[in-house]
N, C-alpha and C. Protein backbone atom coordinates (compact mmCIF):
# COMPACT_ATOMS: atom_id res chain seq x y z
N MET A 1 -15.77 -27.01 27.07
CA MET A 1 -14.41 -27.51 27.00
C MET A 1 -14.07 -27.83 25.55
N GLN A 2 -12.88 -27.41 25.15
CA GLN A 2 -12.47 -27.65 23.77
C GLN A 2 -12.03 -29.09 23.57
N VAL A 3 -12.19 -29.58 22.37
CA VAL A 3 -11.79 -30.95 22.04
C VAL A 3 -10.29 -30.99 21.75
N GLU A 4 -9.79 -29.96 21.05
CA GLU A 4 -8.39 -29.94 20.62
C GLU A 4 -7.46 -29.57 21.77
N ASP A 5 -6.24 -30.06 21.67
CA ASP A 5 -5.19 -29.63 22.60
C ASP A 5 -4.71 -28.25 22.16
N THR A 6 -4.30 -27.46 23.14
CA THR A 6 -3.74 -26.14 22.86
C THR A 6 -2.40 -26.03 23.59
N ARG A 7 -1.69 -24.95 23.38
CA ARG A 7 -0.43 -24.72 24.08
C ARG A 7 -0.64 -24.62 25.59
N SER A 8 -1.86 -24.23 26.01
CA SER A 8 -2.11 -24.03 27.45
C SER A 8 -2.70 -25.26 28.14
N GLY A 9 -3.08 -26.28 27.37
CA GLY A 9 -3.63 -27.46 28.04
C GLY A 9 -4.16 -28.50 27.07
N TYR A 10 -4.51 -29.64 27.63
CA TYR A 10 -5.05 -30.75 26.85
C TYR A 10 -6.54 -30.57 26.64
N GLY A 11 -7.01 -30.99 25.47
CA GLY A 11 -8.43 -30.93 25.17
C GLY A 11 -9.17 -32.16 25.68
N ALA A 12 -10.47 -32.15 25.48
CA ALA A 12 -11.34 -33.22 26.01
C ALA A 12 -10.95 -34.60 25.49
N LEU A 13 -10.59 -34.71 24.22
CA LEU A 13 -10.25 -36.01 23.66
C LEU A 13 -8.97 -36.57 24.30
N SER A 14 -7.94 -35.76 24.44
CA SER A 14 -6.71 -36.21 25.08
C SER A 14 -6.95 -36.62 26.52
N LEU A 15 -7.76 -35.84 27.22
CA LEU A 15 -8.06 -36.16 28.62
C LEU A 15 -8.83 -37.47 28.73
N ALA A 16 -9.81 -37.66 27.86
CA ALA A 16 -10.59 -38.89 27.89
C ALA A 16 -9.70 -40.10 27.61
N ILE A 17 -8.83 -39.98 26.61
CA ILE A 17 -7.94 -41.09 26.28
C ILE A 17 -6.97 -41.35 27.44
N HIS A 18 -6.44 -40.29 28.05
CA HIS A 18 -5.51 -40.43 29.16
C HIS A 18 -6.15 -41.21 30.31
N TRP A 19 -7.37 -40.81 30.70
CA TRP A 19 -8.01 -41.45 31.85
C TRP A 19 -8.54 -42.84 31.52
N LEU A 20 -8.98 -43.06 30.27
CA LEU A 20 -9.35 -44.42 29.86
C LEU A 20 -8.14 -45.35 29.89
N ALA A 21 -7.02 -44.84 29.40
CA ALA A 21 -5.79 -45.64 29.41
C ALA A 21 -5.37 -45.94 30.85
N ALA A 22 -5.43 -44.94 31.73
CA ALA A 22 -5.07 -45.15 33.13
C ALA A 22 -5.97 -46.21 33.77
N ALA A 23 -7.26 -46.11 33.53
CA ALA A 23 -8.20 -47.10 34.09
C ALA A 23 -7.92 -48.49 33.51
N GLY A 24 -7.64 -48.55 32.21
CA GLY A 24 -7.33 -49.83 31.57
C GLY A 24 -6.06 -50.45 32.11
N ILE A 25 -5.04 -49.64 32.32
CA ILE A 25 -3.77 -50.15 32.85
C ILE A 25 -3.96 -50.68 34.27
N ILE A 26 -4.70 -49.94 35.08
CA ILE A 26 -4.97 -50.40 36.46
C ILE A 26 -5.76 -51.71 36.42
N ALA A 27 -6.79 -51.77 35.58
CA ALA A 27 -7.60 -53.00 35.48
C ALA A 27 -6.74 -54.18 35.03
N LEU A 28 -5.90 -53.96 34.03
CA LEU A 28 -5.04 -55.04 33.54
C LEU A 28 -4.07 -55.51 34.61
N TRP A 29 -3.51 -54.58 35.35
CA TRP A 29 -2.56 -54.94 36.40
C TRP A 29 -3.27 -55.75 37.48
N LEU A 30 -4.46 -55.30 37.89
CA LEU A 30 -5.21 -56.02 38.92
C LEU A 30 -5.63 -57.41 38.44
N LEU A 31 -6.12 -57.49 37.20
CA LEU A 31 -6.51 -58.79 36.64
C LEU A 31 -5.31 -59.73 36.53
N GLY A 32 -4.18 -59.18 36.09
CA GLY A 32 -2.98 -60.00 35.96
C GLY A 32 -2.52 -60.55 37.30
N ASN A 33 -2.56 -59.72 38.32
CA ASN A 33 -2.15 -60.19 39.65
C ASN A 33 -3.14 -61.21 40.20
N GLN A 34 -4.42 -60.99 39.98
CA GLN A 34 -5.44 -61.94 40.43
C GLN A 34 -5.21 -63.30 39.75
N MET A 35 -4.91 -63.25 38.48
CA MET A 35 -4.70 -64.46 37.69
C MET A 35 -3.54 -65.29 38.23
N GLU A 36 -2.47 -64.62 38.65
CA GLU A 36 -1.30 -65.33 39.15
C GLU A 36 -1.62 -66.19 40.37
N ASP A 37 -2.62 -65.78 41.14
CA ASP A 37 -2.98 -66.50 42.37
C ASP A 37 -3.97 -67.64 42.14
N LEU A 38 -4.53 -67.72 40.95
CA LEU A 38 -5.53 -68.76 40.67
C LEU A 38 -4.88 -70.04 40.17
N PRO A 39 -5.42 -71.19 40.60
CA PRO A 39 -4.90 -72.46 40.05
C PRO A 39 -5.39 -72.62 38.61
N ARG A 40 -4.66 -73.42 37.85
CA ARG A 40 -5.09 -73.68 36.46
C ARG A 40 -6.48 -74.29 36.48
N GLY A 41 -7.32 -73.79 35.56
CA GLY A 41 -8.68 -74.29 35.49
C GLY A 41 -9.59 -73.23 34.89
N PRO A 42 -10.91 -73.45 34.94
CA PRO A 42 -11.86 -72.56 34.28
C PRO A 42 -11.84 -71.12 34.82
N GLU A 43 -11.64 -70.99 36.13
CA GLU A 43 -11.62 -69.64 36.71
C GLU A 43 -10.41 -68.84 36.21
N ARG A 44 -9.27 -69.50 36.15
CA ARG A 44 -8.06 -68.83 35.66
C ARG A 44 -8.19 -68.51 34.17
N THR A 45 -8.76 -69.44 33.41
CA THR A 45 -8.97 -69.22 31.98
C THR A 45 -9.89 -68.02 31.75
N ALA A 46 -10.97 -67.93 32.53
CA ALA A 46 -11.89 -66.79 32.42
C ALA A 46 -11.18 -65.48 32.76
N ALA A 47 -10.35 -65.49 33.81
CA ALA A 47 -9.60 -64.29 34.18
C ALA A 47 -8.62 -63.90 33.08
N LEU A 48 -7.95 -64.91 32.50
CA LEU A 48 -7.01 -64.64 31.41
C LEU A 48 -7.75 -64.08 30.20
N ASP A 49 -8.89 -64.66 29.86
CA ASP A 49 -9.67 -64.16 28.72
C ASP A 49 -10.09 -62.71 28.92
N LEU A 50 -10.50 -62.37 30.14
CA LEU A 50 -10.89 -60.98 30.44
C LEU A 50 -9.66 -60.08 30.35
N HIS A 51 -8.55 -60.51 30.90
CA HIS A 51 -7.30 -59.74 30.84
C HIS A 51 -6.92 -59.46 29.39
N VAL A 52 -6.96 -60.50 28.56
CA VAL A 52 -6.61 -60.35 27.14
C VAL A 52 -7.60 -59.41 26.45
N SER A 53 -8.89 -59.56 26.73
CA SER A 53 -9.91 -58.71 26.09
C SER A 53 -9.71 -57.24 26.45
N VAL A 54 -9.46 -56.96 27.72
CA VAL A 54 -9.21 -55.57 28.14
C VAL A 54 -7.92 -55.07 27.48
N GLY A 55 -6.92 -55.94 27.37
CA GLY A 55 -5.68 -55.56 26.70
C GLY A 55 -5.89 -55.18 25.24
N VAL A 56 -6.72 -55.94 24.54
CA VAL A 56 -7.03 -55.62 23.14
C VAL A 56 -7.76 -54.27 23.06
N ALA A 57 -8.72 -54.05 23.96
CA ALA A 57 -9.43 -52.77 23.98
C ALA A 57 -8.47 -51.62 24.28
N LEU A 58 -7.57 -51.82 25.23
CA LEU A 58 -6.59 -50.79 25.56
C LEU A 58 -5.66 -50.52 24.38
N PHE A 59 -5.32 -51.56 23.64
CA PHE A 59 -4.50 -51.36 22.44
C PHE A 59 -5.18 -50.39 21.48
N VAL A 60 -6.47 -50.56 21.27
CA VAL A 60 -7.22 -49.68 20.38
C VAL A 60 -7.19 -48.24 20.91
N ILE A 61 -7.40 -48.10 22.22
CA ILE A 61 -7.38 -46.77 22.84
C ILE A 61 -6.00 -46.12 22.68
N LEU A 62 -4.95 -46.90 22.96
CA LEU A 62 -3.60 -46.35 22.86
C LEU A 62 -3.21 -46.04 21.41
N ALA A 63 -3.65 -46.85 20.47
CA ALA A 63 -3.39 -46.54 19.06
C ALA A 63 -4.06 -45.22 18.69
N GLY A 64 -5.27 -45.02 19.19
CA GLY A 64 -5.96 -43.74 18.98
C GLY A 64 -5.20 -42.58 19.60
N ARG A 65 -4.64 -42.81 20.78
CA ARG A 65 -3.87 -41.76 21.45
C ARG A 65 -2.64 -41.39 20.62
N VAL A 66 -1.94 -42.40 20.11
CA VAL A 66 -0.75 -42.13 19.30
C VAL A 66 -1.13 -41.33 18.05
N LEU A 67 -2.18 -41.75 17.37
CA LEU A 67 -2.63 -41.03 16.17
C LEU A 67 -3.04 -39.60 16.50
N TRP A 68 -3.78 -39.43 17.60
CA TRP A 68 -4.22 -38.09 18.01
C TRP A 68 -3.00 -37.22 18.31
N ARG A 69 -2.00 -37.78 19.00
CA ARG A 69 -0.81 -37.02 19.38
C ARG A 69 -0.04 -36.57 18.14
N LEU A 70 -0.02 -37.40 17.09
CA LEU A 70 0.70 -37.04 15.86
C LEU A 70 0.11 -35.80 15.19
N PHE A 71 -1.19 -35.58 15.37
CA PHE A 71 -1.86 -34.50 14.65
C PHE A 71 -2.36 -33.37 15.54
N SER A 72 -2.01 -33.38 16.80
CA SER A 72 -2.50 -32.33 17.68
C SER A 72 -1.35 -31.55 18.30
N THR A 73 -1.69 -30.40 18.84
CA THR A 73 -0.72 -29.53 19.48
C THR A 73 -0.31 -30.10 20.82
N LEU A 74 0.95 -30.01 21.15
CA LEU A 74 1.44 -30.46 22.44
C LEU A 74 1.48 -29.26 23.39
N PRO A 75 0.80 -29.35 24.54
CA PRO A 75 0.85 -28.23 25.48
C PRO A 75 2.27 -27.94 25.94
N ASP A 76 2.50 -26.67 26.29
CA ASP A 76 3.81 -26.27 26.78
C ASP A 76 4.13 -27.01 28.07
N SER A 77 5.41 -27.29 28.26
CA SER A 77 5.85 -27.95 29.49
C SER A 77 5.70 -27.00 30.67
N PRO A 78 5.42 -27.57 31.85
CA PRO A 78 5.35 -26.73 33.04
C PRO A 78 6.68 -26.04 33.29
N ASP A 79 6.61 -24.87 33.87
CA ASP A 79 7.80 -24.09 34.19
C ASP A 79 8.39 -24.63 35.49
N GLU A 80 9.07 -25.75 35.38
CA GLU A 80 9.68 -26.42 36.53
C GLU A 80 11.20 -26.42 36.34
N ALA A 81 11.90 -26.82 37.38
CA ALA A 81 13.35 -26.95 37.30
C ALA A 81 13.70 -27.92 36.18
N PRO A 82 14.77 -27.64 35.43
CA PRO A 82 15.14 -28.52 34.32
C PRO A 82 15.28 -29.99 34.72
N ALA A 83 15.84 -30.26 35.88
CA ALA A 83 16.02 -31.65 36.31
C ALA A 83 14.67 -32.34 36.49
N LEU A 84 13.69 -31.63 37.04
CA LEU A 84 12.35 -32.20 37.22
C LEU A 84 11.67 -32.45 35.88
N ARG A 85 11.84 -31.51 34.95
CA ARG A 85 11.25 -31.68 33.61
C ARG A 85 11.85 -32.90 32.92
N ILE A 86 13.17 -33.06 33.03
CA ILE A 86 13.83 -34.21 32.42
C ILE A 86 13.36 -35.50 33.08
N PHE A 87 13.28 -35.52 34.41
CA PHE A 87 12.83 -36.70 35.13
C PHE A 87 11.40 -37.06 34.72
N ALA A 88 10.53 -36.06 34.65
CA ALA A 88 9.14 -36.31 34.25
C ALA A 88 9.09 -36.89 32.84
N ARG A 89 9.92 -36.38 31.95
CA ARG A 89 9.95 -36.86 30.57
C ARG A 89 10.45 -38.32 30.52
N VAL A 90 11.47 -38.62 31.33
CA VAL A 90 12.00 -39.99 31.38
C VAL A 90 10.91 -40.95 31.87
N VAL A 91 10.15 -40.52 32.88
CA VAL A 91 9.06 -41.37 33.39
C VAL A 91 8.01 -41.56 32.30
N GLN A 92 7.63 -40.50 31.60
CA GLN A 92 6.62 -40.61 30.53
C GLN A 92 7.11 -41.55 29.42
N VAL A 93 8.34 -41.39 29.00
CA VAL A 93 8.89 -42.25 27.95
C VAL A 93 8.97 -43.69 28.46
N GLY A 94 9.36 -43.87 29.72
CA GLY A 94 9.40 -45.21 30.31
C GLY A 94 8.03 -45.87 30.32
N LEU A 95 7.00 -45.09 30.67
CA LEU A 95 5.63 -45.62 30.64
C LEU A 95 5.25 -46.05 29.24
N LEU A 96 5.54 -45.22 28.25
CA LEU A 96 5.20 -45.55 26.87
C LEU A 96 5.99 -46.76 26.37
N LEU A 97 7.26 -46.84 26.75
CA LEU A 97 8.08 -47.99 26.36
C LEU A 97 7.53 -49.28 26.99
N CYS A 98 7.19 -49.21 28.27
CA CYS A 98 6.61 -50.39 28.94
C CYS A 98 5.29 -50.79 28.29
N LEU A 99 4.44 -49.80 27.97
CA LEU A 99 3.17 -50.12 27.31
C LEU A 99 3.42 -50.81 25.98
N THR A 100 4.39 -50.32 25.24
CA THR A 100 4.72 -50.94 23.95
C THR A 100 5.18 -52.39 24.14
N ILE A 101 6.04 -52.61 25.12
CA ILE A 101 6.53 -53.97 25.39
C ILE A 101 5.38 -54.87 25.81
N LEU A 102 4.49 -54.37 26.68
CA LEU A 102 3.35 -55.16 27.13
C LEU A 102 2.38 -55.47 25.99
N ILE A 103 2.17 -54.50 25.12
CA ILE A 103 1.26 -54.68 23.99
C ILE A 103 1.79 -55.74 23.02
N ILE A 104 3.11 -55.86 22.94
CA ILE A 104 3.71 -56.88 22.07
C ILE A 104 3.82 -58.21 22.80
N SER A 105 4.32 -58.19 24.03
CA SER A 105 4.58 -59.44 24.74
C SER A 105 3.30 -60.16 25.17
N GLY A 106 2.22 -59.41 25.43
CA GLY A 106 0.97 -60.04 25.83
C GLY A 106 0.42 -60.98 24.77
N PRO A 107 0.12 -60.46 23.58
CA PRO A 107 -0.36 -61.35 22.52
C PRO A 107 0.65 -62.45 22.16
N MET A 108 1.93 -62.10 22.17
CA MET A 108 2.94 -63.11 21.83
C MET A 108 2.95 -64.24 22.85
N THR A 109 2.69 -63.93 24.12
CA THR A 109 2.61 -64.97 25.14
C THR A 109 1.49 -65.94 24.83
N ILE A 110 0.34 -65.41 24.42
CA ILE A 110 -0.83 -66.25 24.10
C ILE A 110 -0.57 -67.03 22.81
N TRP A 111 -0.09 -66.32 21.79
CA TRP A 111 0.09 -66.97 20.49
C TRP A 111 1.16 -68.05 20.52
N THR A 112 2.27 -67.82 21.27
CA THR A 112 3.31 -68.84 21.33
C THR A 112 2.89 -70.04 22.18
N ALA A 113 1.76 -69.90 22.89
CA ALA A 113 1.17 -71.05 23.59
C ALA A 113 0.22 -71.80 22.65
N GLY A 114 0.10 -71.31 21.40
CA GLY A 114 -0.73 -71.99 20.41
C GLY A 114 -2.21 -71.64 20.50
N ARG A 115 -2.54 -70.52 21.15
CA ARG A 115 -3.94 -70.13 21.32
C ARG A 115 -4.24 -68.81 20.61
N PRO A 116 -5.50 -68.61 20.20
CA PRO A 116 -5.89 -67.32 19.64
C PRO A 116 -6.18 -66.32 20.78
N LEU A 117 -6.29 -65.04 20.44
CA LEU A 117 -6.64 -64.01 21.43
C LEU A 117 -8.16 -63.90 21.49
N PRO A 118 -8.75 -64.17 22.65
CA PRO A 118 -10.20 -64.00 22.78
C PRO A 118 -10.53 -62.53 23.05
N VAL A 119 -11.60 -62.03 22.45
CA VAL A 119 -11.99 -60.63 22.65
C VAL A 119 -13.43 -60.59 23.15
N PHE A 120 -13.58 -60.52 24.47
CA PHE A 120 -14.88 -60.42 25.16
C PHE A 120 -15.89 -61.48 24.71
N GLY A 121 -15.41 -62.63 24.29
CA GLY A 121 -16.30 -63.70 23.86
C GLY A 121 -17.00 -63.41 22.54
N LEU A 122 -16.65 -62.31 21.88
CA LEU A 122 -17.28 -61.94 20.63
C LEU A 122 -16.59 -62.54 19.41
N PHE A 123 -15.28 -62.58 19.46
CA PHE A 123 -14.49 -63.14 18.37
C PHE A 123 -13.09 -63.44 18.90
N THR A 124 -12.29 -64.09 18.09
CA THR A 124 -10.89 -64.34 18.46
C THR A 124 -9.99 -63.83 17.35
N ILE A 125 -8.78 -63.50 17.75
CA ILE A 125 -7.75 -63.11 16.78
C ILE A 125 -6.81 -64.30 16.67
N PRO A 126 -6.82 -64.98 15.52
CA PRO A 126 -6.03 -66.21 15.38
C PRO A 126 -4.53 -65.95 15.53
N SER A 127 -3.84 -66.98 15.96
CA SER A 127 -2.39 -66.90 16.12
C SER A 127 -1.70 -66.98 14.77
N PRO A 128 -0.79 -66.05 14.51
CA PRO A 128 -0.01 -66.14 13.27
C PRO A 128 1.20 -67.07 13.46
N LEU A 129 1.35 -67.63 14.67
CA LEU A 129 2.52 -68.44 15.00
C LEU A 129 2.12 -69.86 15.38
N THR A 130 3.08 -70.73 15.33
CA THR A 130 2.85 -72.07 15.85
C THR A 130 3.28 -72.08 17.31
N GLU A 131 2.80 -73.09 18.02
CA GLU A 131 3.16 -73.21 19.44
C GLU A 131 4.67 -73.36 19.58
N ASN A 132 5.23 -72.60 20.54
CA ASN A 132 6.67 -72.63 20.77
C ASN A 132 6.90 -72.39 22.26
N HIS A 133 7.10 -73.47 23.02
CA HIS A 133 7.19 -73.38 24.47
C HIS A 133 8.34 -72.48 24.93
N SER A 134 9.50 -72.59 24.31
CA SER A 134 10.67 -71.78 24.71
C SER A 134 10.38 -70.29 24.51
N LEU A 135 9.85 -69.95 23.36
CA LEU A 135 9.52 -68.55 23.08
C LEU A 135 8.40 -68.07 23.99
N HIS A 136 7.45 -68.95 24.29
CA HIS A 136 6.35 -68.61 25.21
C HIS A 136 6.92 -68.19 26.56
N GLU A 137 7.87 -68.97 27.08
CA GLU A 137 8.47 -68.66 28.38
C GLU A 137 9.17 -67.31 28.36
N VAL A 138 9.86 -67.00 27.28
CA VAL A 138 10.55 -65.71 27.16
C VAL A 138 9.54 -64.57 27.18
N PHE A 139 8.51 -64.66 26.35
CA PHE A 139 7.52 -63.58 26.29
C PHE A 139 6.75 -63.45 27.61
N GLU A 140 6.46 -64.57 28.25
CA GLU A 140 5.76 -64.51 29.53
C GLU A 140 6.62 -63.81 30.58
N THR A 141 7.90 -64.13 30.62
CA THR A 141 8.80 -63.48 31.58
C THR A 141 8.92 -61.99 31.29
N VAL A 142 9.08 -61.63 30.04
CA VAL A 142 9.16 -60.21 29.66
C VAL A 142 7.88 -59.50 30.08
N HIS A 143 6.74 -60.12 29.85
CA HIS A 143 5.46 -59.51 30.19
C HIS A 143 5.33 -59.29 31.70
N VAL A 144 5.68 -60.30 32.48
CA VAL A 144 5.57 -60.20 33.94
C VAL A 144 6.54 -59.15 34.49
N VAL A 145 7.79 -59.18 34.05
CA VAL A 145 8.79 -58.22 34.54
C VAL A 145 8.38 -56.79 34.16
N THR A 146 7.95 -56.60 32.92
CA THR A 146 7.54 -55.27 32.48
C THR A 146 6.33 -54.78 33.26
N SER A 147 5.43 -55.68 33.64
CA SER A 147 4.26 -55.26 34.44
C SER A 147 4.70 -54.75 35.81
N LYS A 148 5.80 -55.26 36.33
CA LYS A 148 6.33 -54.77 37.61
C LYS A 148 6.98 -53.40 37.42
N VAL A 149 7.72 -53.23 36.33
CA VAL A 149 8.38 -51.96 36.05
C VAL A 149 7.35 -50.86 35.81
N ILE A 150 6.29 -51.18 35.06
CA ILE A 150 5.29 -50.15 34.77
C ILE A 150 4.56 -49.73 36.04
N LEU A 151 4.42 -50.64 37.00
CA LEU A 151 3.79 -50.27 38.27
C LEU A 151 4.62 -49.20 38.97
N VAL A 152 5.92 -49.39 39.01
CA VAL A 152 6.80 -48.40 39.65
C VAL A 152 6.71 -47.06 38.92
N LEU A 153 6.78 -47.09 37.59
CA LEU A 153 6.69 -45.85 36.83
C LEU A 153 5.34 -45.18 37.00
N PHE A 154 4.28 -45.97 37.05
CA PHE A 154 2.93 -45.44 37.26
C PHE A 154 2.85 -44.73 38.61
N LEU A 155 3.41 -45.36 39.64
CA LEU A 155 3.39 -44.74 40.98
C LEU A 155 4.21 -43.45 41.00
N VAL A 156 5.35 -43.43 40.32
CA VAL A 156 6.15 -42.20 40.24
C VAL A 156 5.37 -41.12 39.50
N HIS A 157 4.67 -41.49 38.44
CA HIS A 157 3.84 -40.55 37.69
C HIS A 157 2.75 -39.96 38.58
N VAL A 158 2.09 -40.81 39.37
CA VAL A 158 1.05 -40.33 40.29
C VAL A 158 1.66 -39.42 41.36
N LEU A 159 2.81 -39.79 41.89
CA LEU A 159 3.47 -38.94 42.89
C LEU A 159 3.84 -37.58 42.29
N GLY A 160 4.28 -37.58 41.04
CA GLY A 160 4.56 -36.30 40.36
C GLY A 160 3.31 -35.45 40.22
N ALA A 161 2.19 -36.10 39.91
CA ALA A 161 0.92 -35.36 39.80
C ALA A 161 0.52 -34.80 41.16
N LEU A 162 0.72 -35.60 42.21
CA LEU A 162 0.41 -35.11 43.56
C LEU A 162 1.32 -33.94 43.95
N LYS A 163 2.57 -34.00 43.54
CA LYS A 163 3.49 -32.89 43.79
C LYS A 163 2.97 -31.62 43.13
N LEU A 164 2.52 -31.76 41.88
CA LEU A 164 1.94 -30.60 41.19
C LEU A 164 0.68 -30.11 41.88
N TRP A 165 -0.13 -31.04 42.36
CA TRP A 165 -1.36 -30.67 43.05
C TRP A 165 -1.06 -29.81 44.27
N VAL A 166 0.03 -30.15 44.97
CA VAL A 166 0.40 -29.40 46.18
C VAL A 166 1.10 -28.10 45.83
N THR A 167 2.08 -28.15 44.92
CA THR A 167 2.91 -26.98 44.66
C THR A 167 2.41 -26.06 43.55
N ARG A 168 1.72 -26.63 42.56
CA ARG A 168 1.26 -25.84 41.41
C ARG A 168 -0.09 -26.34 40.93
N PRO A 169 -1.15 -26.14 41.72
CA PRO A 169 -2.46 -26.71 41.34
C PRO A 169 -2.95 -26.26 39.96
N SER A 170 -2.51 -25.11 39.50
CA SER A 170 -2.95 -24.66 38.17
C SER A 170 -2.42 -25.58 37.07
N LEU A 171 -1.23 -26.16 37.27
CA LEU A 171 -0.68 -27.07 36.26
C LEU A 171 -1.42 -28.40 36.24
N LEU A 172 -1.84 -28.86 37.39
CA LEU A 172 -2.53 -30.14 37.45
C LEU A 172 -3.88 -30.06 36.73
N ARG A 173 -4.46 -28.88 36.67
CA ARG A 173 -5.73 -28.73 35.96
C ARG A 173 -5.59 -29.05 34.46
N MET A 174 -4.36 -29.07 33.96
CA MET A 174 -4.16 -29.41 32.54
C MET A 174 -4.67 -30.81 32.24
N VAL A 175 -4.63 -31.72 33.22
CA VAL A 175 -5.05 -33.10 32.97
C VAL A 175 -6.21 -33.56 33.87
N ALA A 176 -6.73 -32.66 34.67
CA ALA A 176 -7.81 -33.05 35.58
C ALA A 176 -9.10 -33.27 34.80
N PRO A 177 -9.81 -34.36 35.11
CA PRO A 177 -11.10 -34.60 34.43
C PRO A 177 -12.11 -33.55 34.85
N GLY A 178 -12.88 -33.07 33.91
CA GLY A 178 -13.95 -32.10 34.18
C GLY A 178 -13.45 -30.75 34.65
N ARG A 179 -12.22 -30.39 34.27
CA ARG A 179 -11.63 -29.14 34.73
C ARG A 179 -12.62 -28.06 34.60
């Protein structure tokens, strides 16, 4: 399998980043929902620390994806109806926009609470801000609402992939692991 992307499909690096990002997004969503159900205390703090740590790791993965995309070939779009291609593109852009908002609002939620970002218990990223309860509430709300929106877009993305699996299995192989 080639590492580079080509006009006919994604290479190994793009596929690895895509599936790592998908796994990270699912993990973050599950951790975030689990955290909401926990009472304040050590268990919730541990869940939050893990959520933040996975978020920082995902940020690194997504930054790598952006850099890779800037310097690699973009595969040709599937030969689908124009409306479907536009819809798929809107969903992709929506996912990227939500990821960007989450990547900004997550750390800002922690920092405006006056805390540093913990990274797997190895180190912390200090807050460049002072505690600000009003701003904290805004960023927390943006983060929670965006996490709901990204879930819907993620499900639409998966449904689109399933549609391709049924109607055009050759196209789905462009992103299938271990093709």
